N, C-alpha and C. Protein backbone atom coordinates (compact mmCIF):
# COMPACT_ATOMS: atom_id res chain seq x y z
N MET A 1 -8.89 2.00 3.27
CA MET A 1 -8.61 0.90 4.10
C MET A 1 -9.42 -0.41 2.79
N GLU A 2 -8.97 -1.70 2.71
CA GLU A 2 -9.36 -2.86 1.88
C GLU A 2 -10.05 -3.97 2.58
N THR A 3 -10.70 -4.32 2.15
CA THR A 3 -11.14 -5.32 2.13
C THR A 3 -10.60 -6.89 1.57
N LEU A 4 -10.39 -7.55 2.81
CA LEU A 4 -9.64 -8.96 1.84
C LEU A 4 -10.38 -9.73 2.63
N LYS A 5 -10.43 -11.06 1.60
CA LYS A 5 -11.63 -12.43 1.76
C LYS A 5 -10.17 -13.68 1.31
N PHE A 6 -10.26 -14.41 2.55
CA PHE A 6 -9.66 -15.73 2.84
C PHE A 6 -10.56 -16.82 2.71
N LYS A 7 -10.14 -17.96 2.24
CA LYS A 7 -10.67 -19.02 2.42
C LYS A 7 -9.62 -19.82 3.35
N THR A 8 -10.26 -20.30 4.67
CA THR A 8 -9.30 -21.05 5.68
C THR A 8 -9.67 -22.42 6.00
N ASN A 9 -8.97 -22.81 7.09
CA ASN A 9 -9.23 -23.94 7.63
C ASN A 9 -9.44 -23.67 9.66
N ILE A 10 -9.70 -22.43 9.71
CA ILE A 10 -10.11 -22.20 10.62
C ILE A 10 -12.00 -22.73 10.62
N LYS A 11 -11.72 -23.77 11.99
CA LYS A 11 -13.15 -23.90 12.10
C LYS A 11 -14.12 -24.52 12.91
N CYS A 12 -13.55 -23.91 14.12
CA CYS A 12 -14.29 -23.60 15.24
C CYS A 12 -13.50 -22.68 16.37
N MET A 13 -14.49 -22.62 17.44
CA MET A 13 -14.44 -21.35 18.11
C MET A 13 -12.88 -21.49 18.73
N GLY A 14 -12.62 -22.93 19.09
CA GLY A 14 -11.48 -22.86 19.80
C GLY A 14 -10.12 -22.17 18.90
N CYS A 15 -10.53 -22.71 17.58
CA CYS A 15 -9.61 -21.93 16.09
C CYS A 15 -9.87 -20.60 16.72
N ILE A 16 -10.41 -19.98 16.77
CA ILE A 16 -10.62 -18.41 16.57
C ILE A 16 -9.72 -17.84 17.33
N SER A 17 -9.95 -18.86 18.84
CA SER A 17 -9.36 -18.43 20.01
C SER A 17 -7.65 -18.48 19.91
N THR A 18 -6.94 -19.12 19.17
CA THR A 18 -5.97 -19.39 18.39
C THR A 18 -5.30 -18.32 17.85
N VAL A 19 -6.21 -17.68 16.91
CA VAL A 19 -5.58 -16.64 15.53
C VAL A 19 -5.81 -15.36 16.23
N THR A 20 -6.55 -15.33 17.40
CA THR A 20 -7.36 -13.96 17.79
C THR A 20 -5.65 -12.70 17.63
N PRO A 21 -4.97 -13.49 18.70
CA PRO A 21 -4.27 -12.69 19.05
C PRO A 21 -3.22 -11.98 17.70
N VAL A 22 -3.04 -13.44 16.83
CA VAL A 22 -2.09 -12.93 15.53
C VAL A 22 -2.88 -11.64 15.04
N LEU A 23 -4.32 -12.11 14.53
CA LEU A 23 -5.12 -10.95 13.53
C LEU A 23 -5.42 -9.78 14.25
N ASN A 24 -5.55 -9.66 15.63
CA ASN A 24 -5.53 -8.58 16.34
C ASN A 24 -4.45 -7.60 16.22
N GLU A 25 -3.21 -8.35 16.24
CA GLU A 25 -1.56 -7.91 15.82
C GLU A 25 -1.73 -7.03 14.76
N LYS A 26 -1.97 -7.94 13.62
CA LYS A 26 -1.77 -7.90 12.52
C LYS A 26 -2.66 -6.81 11.80
N ALA A 27 -3.88 -7.13 12.12
CA ALA A 27 -5.27 -6.44 10.89
C ALA A 27 -6.03 -5.17 12.57
N GLY A 28 -5.53 -5.84 13.26
CA GLY A 28 -6.51 -4.63 14.34
C GLY A 28 -7.55 -5.47 15.00
N THR A 29 -7.82 -5.28 16.56
CA THR A 29 -8.95 -5.60 16.81
C THR A 29 -10.65 -5.00 16.15
N ASP A 30 -11.16 -5.97 16.09
CA ASP A 30 -12.76 -6.03 15.66
C ASP A 30 -12.71 -5.71 13.94
N LYS A 31 -11.65 -5.84 13.36
CA LYS A 31 -11.19 -5.60 12.20
C LYS A 31 -11.29 -6.88 11.07
N TRP A 32 -11.54 -8.04 11.94
CA TRP A 32 -11.56 -9.24 11.07
C TRP A 32 -13.00 -10.20 11.78
N LYS A 33 -13.11 -10.72 11.11
CA LYS A 33 -14.04 -11.98 11.25
C LYS A 33 -13.95 -13.14 10.62
N VAL A 34 -14.66 -14.58 11.16
CA VAL A 34 -14.62 -15.93 10.29
C VAL A 34 -15.73 -16.26 10.15
N ASP A 35 -16.41 -16.70 9.19
CA ASP A 35 -17.86 -16.71 9.33
C ASP A 35 -17.62 -18.39 8.98
N LEU A 36 -17.76 -19.21 10.21
CA LEU A 36 -17.93 -20.62 10.61
C LEU A 36 -19.05 -21.51 9.92
N GLN A 37 -20.20 -20.63 9.36
CA GLN A 37 -20.93 -21.48 8.58
C GLN A 37 -20.94 -21.68 7.11
N ASP A 38 -20.17 -20.79 6.87
CA ASP A 38 -19.70 -20.84 5.24
C ASP A 38 -18.65 -22.26 5.17
N PRO A 39 -18.94 -22.88 3.93
CA PRO A 39 -18.35 -24.12 3.63
C PRO A 39 -16.68 -23.90 3.71
N ASP A 40 -16.45 -22.55 3.16
CA ASP A 40 -15.06 -22.17 3.16
C ASP A 40 -14.48 -21.28 4.05
N LYS A 41 -15.09 -21.56 5.24
CA LYS A 41 -14.61 -20.75 6.59
C LYS A 41 -13.98 -19.39 6.35
N THR A 42 -14.49 -18.61 5.57
CA THR A 42 -14.12 -17.08 5.02
C THR A 42 -13.68 -16.43 6.04
N LEU A 43 -12.54 -16.19 5.82
CA LEU A 43 -11.82 -14.78 6.86
C LEU A 43 -12.09 -13.45 6.03
N VAL A 44 -12.66 -12.36 6.69
CA VAL A 44 -12.85 -11.23 5.82
C VAL A 44 -12.12 -9.62 7.01
N VAL A 45 -11.30 -9.78 6.37
CA VAL A 45 -10.35 -8.54 7.33
C VAL A 45 -10.50 -7.56 6.41
N GLU A 46 -10.35 -6.68 7.50
CA GLU A 46 -11.19 -4.79 6.93
C GLU A 46 -9.76 -4.28 7.10
N SER A 47 -8.67 -3.78 6.65
CA SER A 47 -7.46 -3.36 6.99
C SER A 47 -6.55 -2.93 6.09
N ASP A 48 -5.46 -2.26 6.34
CA ASP A 48 -4.44 -1.85 5.59
C ASP A 48 -3.18 -2.97 5.22
N THR A 49 -3.65 -3.70 6.17
CA THR A 49 -2.30 -4.79 6.22
C THR A 49 -2.49 -5.56 4.71
N LYS A 50 -1.55 -5.78 4.25
CA LYS A 50 -0.94 -6.70 2.91
C LYS A 50 -1.66 -8.31 3.50
N ALA A 51 -2.37 -8.80 1.91
CA ALA A 51 -2.96 -10.30 2.31
C ALA A 51 -1.57 -10.98 2.81
N GLU A 52 -0.28 -10.70 1.92
CA GLU A 52 0.62 -12.24 2.47
C GLU A 52 1.06 -11.84 3.81
N GLU A 53 0.78 -10.83 4.62
CA GLU A 53 1.07 -10.82 6.29
C GLU A 53 -0.08 -11.78 6.53
N ILE A 54 -1.15 -11.60 6.35
CA ILE A 54 -2.15 -12.36 7.19
C ILE A 54 -1.96 -13.37 6.56
N VAL A 55 -1.74 -13.86 5.60
CA VAL A 55 -1.23 -15.63 5.36
C VAL A 55 -0.03 -15.80 6.20
N GLU A 56 0.65 -15.34 6.17
CA GLU A 56 2.08 -15.91 7.28
C GLU A 56 2.08 -15.62 8.42
N ALA A 57 0.96 -14.96 8.93
CA ALA A 57 0.63 -14.94 10.38
C ALA A 57 -0.13 -16.16 10.94
N LEU A 58 -1.13 -16.30 9.86
CA LEU A 58 -1.96 -17.35 10.12
C LEU A 58 -1.21 -18.79 10.24
N LYS A 59 0.15 -18.82 9.25
CA LYS A 59 0.47 -20.01 9.06
C LYS A 59 1.39 -20.06 10.40
N GLY A 60 2.12 -18.92 10.83
CA GLY A 60 3.02 -19.27 12.07
C GLY A 60 2.03 -19.87 13.14
N VAL A 61 0.92 -19.74 13.09
CA VAL A 61 -0.17 -20.39 14.29
C VAL A 61 -0.77 -21.89 13.81
N GLY A 62 -0.40 -22.38 12.51
CA GLY A 62 -0.85 -23.24 12.26
C GLY A 62 -2.42 -23.79 11.67
N TYR A 63 -2.49 -22.35 10.78
CA TYR A 63 -3.61 -22.12 9.88
C TYR A 63 -3.30 -21.65 8.68
N ASN A 64 -4.43 -22.64 7.50
CA ASN A 64 -4.06 -22.18 6.15
C ASN A 64 -5.00 -21.01 6.20
N ALA A 65 -4.37 -20.05 4.79
CA ALA A 65 -5.18 -19.15 4.30
C ALA A 65 -5.07 -18.67 2.86
N GLU A 66 -6.02 -19.12 1.78
CA GLU A 66 -6.04 -18.51 0.68
C GLU A 66 -6.62 -17.54 0.25
N ARG A 67 -6.16 -16.40 -0.30
CA ARG A 67 -7.14 -15.39 -0.41
C ARG A 67 -7.92 -15.53 -1.89
N ILE A 68 -9.29 -15.43 -1.83
CA ILE A 68 -9.92 -15.57 -2.63
C ILE A 68 -10.90 -13.99 -3.01
């Protein structure tokens, strides 16, 4: 299992509600979290999913992610 970190534009609980289904599908339930207090709104994913798949899944629901 790998830990991936992304800078995102996920900024509120409404955003998290929108991305939850796609992140649960790609990474697995309880395998990801977004730090809304961090200025970079860091998404941390602990999964075997490739970073590109996470980025594409988020793009599909209107959000950006950049691996850090």
